[in-house]
Amino acid sequence: MQWSKLREITIKPQLVKSRSGWTLSIFEDYSSQDDAGNYYPSSNLDEQIKWAVEQLEGRASRTAWNIWKFKNKRDAEKFITVYYLVWGQ
């Protein structure tokens, strides 16, 4: 594998069941765990978080910079579908 491929970062949403609903986080997935500590959040992540804030205002409660809580799974899955249509990687 080429060195440049080892340093690729993929930004993706992750949906997890919690006690009070569904938690969605948008995070950077590093191709190599060894490099994960060598990066600061990219400007692409900032841009995607800003977009998500605009889309989710009033639809989900924000619990952290990159984490939202949904009451039901269907709404969270709809958001993820739109996310991939806009930010497909």
C-alpha atoms as a PDB file:
ATOM      1  CA  MET A   1       0.000   0.000   0.000  1.00  0.00           C
ATOM      2  CA  GLN A   2       1.245   3.462  -0.821  1.00  0.00           C
ATOM      3  CA  TRP A   3       2.242   5.795   1.993  1.00  0.00           C
ATOM      4  CA  SER A   4      -0.266   8.400   0.784  1.00  0.00           C
ATOM      5  CA  LYS A   5      -3.096   5.857   1.091  1.00  0.00           C
ATOM      6  CA  LEU A   6      -2.101   5.070   4.685  1.00  0.00           C
ATOM      7  CA  ARG A   7      -2.716   8.673   5.717  1.00  0.00           C
ATOM      8  CA  GLU A   8      -6.255   8.954   4.296  1.00  0.00           C
ATOM      9  CA  ILE A   9      -9.010  10.096   6.620  1.00  0.00           C
ATOM     10  CA  THR A  10     -12.659   9.260   6.021  1.00  0.00           C
ATOM     11  CA  ILE A  11     -15.357  11.308   7.711  1.00  0.00           C
ATOM     12  CA  LYS A  12     -18.465   9.295   8.469  1.00  0.00           C
ATOM     13  CA  PRO A  13     -21.505   9.190  10.707  1.00  0.00           C
ATOM     14  CA  GLN A  14     -22.010   6.456  13.285  1.00  0.00           C
ATOM     15  CA  LEU A  15     -25.374   5.549  14.796  1.00  0.00           C
ATOM     16  CA  VAL A  16     -25.533   3.856  18.213  1.00  0.00           C
ATOM     17  CA  LYS A  17     -28.522   2.801  20.350  1.00  0.00           C
ATOM     18  CA  SER A  18     -28.575   4.490  23.744  1.00  0.00           C
ATOM     19  CA  ARG A  19     -30.943   4.269  26.711  1.00  0.00           C
ATOM     20  CA  SER A  20     -32.974   7.280  25.693  1.00  0.00           C
ATOM     21  CA  GLY A  21     -32.906   6.972  21.914  1.00  0.00           C
ATOM     22  CA  TRP A  22     -30.270   6.949  19.204  1.00  0.00           C
ATOM     23  CA  THR A  23     -26.932   8.758  19.248  1.00  0.00           C
ATOM     24  CA  LEU A  24     -25.345   9.929  16.021  1.00  0.00           C
ATOM     25  CA  SER A  25     -21.736  11.052  15.869  1.00  0.00           C
ATOM     26  CA  ILE A  26     -19.758  12.349  12.917  1.00  0.00           C
ATOM     27  CA  PHE A  27     -16.103  11.486  13.253  1.00  0.00           C
ATOM     28  CA  GLU A  28     -12.861  11.036  11.353  1.00  0.00           C
ATOM     29  CA  ASP A  29     -11.965   7.425  10.669  1.00  0.00           C
ATOM     30  CA  TYR A  30      -8.211   7.004  10.251  1.00  0.00           C
ATOM     31  CA  SER A  31      -6.897   4.336   7.915  1.00  0.00           C
ATOM     32  CA  SER A  32      -4.068   3.618  10.334  1.00  0.00           C
ATOM     33  CA  GLN A  33      -4.557   3.605  14.101  1.00  0.00           C
ATOM     34  CA  ASP A  34      -0.892   4.549  14.513  1.00  0.00           C
ATOM     35  CA  ASP A  35      -1.557   7.907  12.870  1.00  0.00           C
ATOM     36  CA  ALA A  36      -4.749   8.790  14.723  1.00  0.00           C
ATOM     37  CA  GLY A  37      -2.934  10.809  17.375  1.00  0.00           C
ATOM     38  CA  ASN A  38      -0.959  12.777  14.803  1.00  0.00           C
ATOM     39  CA  TYR A  39      -3.919  14.671  13.339  1.00  0.00           C
ATOM     40  CA  TYR A  40      -6.035  17.600  14.346  1.00  0.00           C
ATOM     41  CA  PRO A  41      -9.644  17.670  13.142  1.00  0.00           C
ATOM     42  CA  SER A  42      -9.562  18.567   9.465  1.00  0.00           C
ATOM     43  CA  SER A  43     -11.322  21.548   7.959  1.00  0.00           C
ATOM     44  CA  ASN A  44     -13.511  19.032   6.095  1.00  0.00           C
ATOM     45  CA  LEU A  45     -14.818  17.742   9.416  1.00  0.00           C
ATOM     46  CA  ASP A  46     -15.536  21.295  10.569  1.00  0.00           C
ATOM     47  CA  GLU A  47     -17.426  21.966   7.340  1.00  0.00           C
ATOM     48  CA  GLN A  48     -19.497  18.796   7.662  1.00  0.00           C
ATOM     49  CA  ILE A  49     -20.312  19.479  11.326  1.00  0.00           C
ATOM     50  CA  LYS A  50     -21.461  23.000  10.411  1.00  0.00           C
ATOM     51  CA  TRP A  51     -23.682  21.537   7.686  1.00  0.00           C
ATOM     52  CA  ALA A  52     -25.106  18.935  10.098  1.00  0.00           C
ATOM     53  CA  VAL A  53     -25.904  21.638  12.671  1.00  0.00           C
ATOM     54  CA  GLU A  54     -27.953  23.487  10.053  1.00  0.00           C
ATOM     55  CA  GLN A  55     -29.768  20.326   8.934  1.00  0.00           C
ATOM     56  CA  LEU A  56     -30.514  19.006  12.409  1.00  0.00           C
ATOM     57  CA  GLU A  57     -31.634  22.208  14.090  1.00  0.00           C
ATOM     58  CA  GLY A  58     -34.933  21.388  15.783  1.00  0.00           C
ATOM     59  CA  ARG A  59     -34.839  17.729  14.657  1.00  0.00           C
ATOM     60  CA  ALA A  60     -32.321  16.349  17.127  1.00  0.00           C
ATOM     61  CA  SER A  61     -30.715  17.557  20.325  1.00  0.00           C
ATOM     62  CA  ARG A  62     -27.036  18.322  20.170  1.00  0.00           C
ATOM     63  CA  THR A  63     -25.046  16.773  23.015  1.00  0.00           C
ATOM     64  CA  ALA A  64     -21.501  17.619  21.889  1.00  0.00           C
ATOM     65  CA  TRP A  65     -19.644  19.303  19.040  1.00  0.00           C
ATOM     66  CA  ASN A  66     -20.103  16.275  16.748  1.00  0.00           C
ATOM     67  CA  ILE A  67     -22.848  14.284  18.522  1.00  0.00           C
ATOM     68  CA  TRP A  68     -26.650  14.453  18.297  1.00  0.00           C
ATOM     69  CA  LYS A  69     -29.417  12.496  19.998  1.00  0.00           C
ATOM     70  CA  PHE A  70     -32.482  11.327  18.071  1.00  0.00           C
ATOM     71  CA  LYS A  71     -35.697  10.031  19.601  1.00  0.00           C
ATOM     72  CA  ASN A  72     -36.157   7.404  16.910  1.00  0.00           C
ATOM     73  CA  LYS A  73     -33.960   5.400  14.586  1.00  0.00           C
ATOM     74  CA  ARG A  74     -35.867   6.277  11.433  1.00  0.00           C
ATOM     75  CA  ASP A  75     -35.109  10.009  11.709  1.00  0.00           C
ATOM     76  CA  ALA A  76     -31.433   9.286  12.348  1.00  0.00           C
ATOM     77  CA  GLU A  77     -31.255   6.945   9.351  1.00  0.00           C
ATOM     78  CA  LYS A  78     -32.913   9.566   7.136  1.00  0.00           C
ATOM     79  CA  PHE A  79     -30.244  12.044   8.174  1.00  0.00           C
ATOM     80  CA  ILE A  80     -27.469   9.537   7.428  1.00  0.00           C
ATOM     81  CA  THR A  81     -28.920   8.932   3.949  1.00  0.00           C
ATOM     82  CA  VAL A  82     -28.957  12.664   3.206  1.00  0.00           C
ATOM     83  CA  TYR A  83     -25.450  12.973   4.657  1.00  0.00           C
ATOM     84  CA  TYR A  84     -24.083  10.377   2.225  1.00  0.00           C
ATOM     85  CA  LEU A  85     -25.927  11.965  -0.719  1.00  0.00           C
ATOM     86  CA  VAL A  86     -24.326  15.325   0.051  1.00  0.00           C
ATOM     87  CA  TRP A  87     -20.918  14.210   1.353  1.00  0.00           C
ATOM     88  CA  GLY A  88     -20.457  10.880  -0.482  1.00  0.00           C
ATOM     89  CA  GLN A  89     -16.888   9.673  -0.178  1.00  0.00           C
END
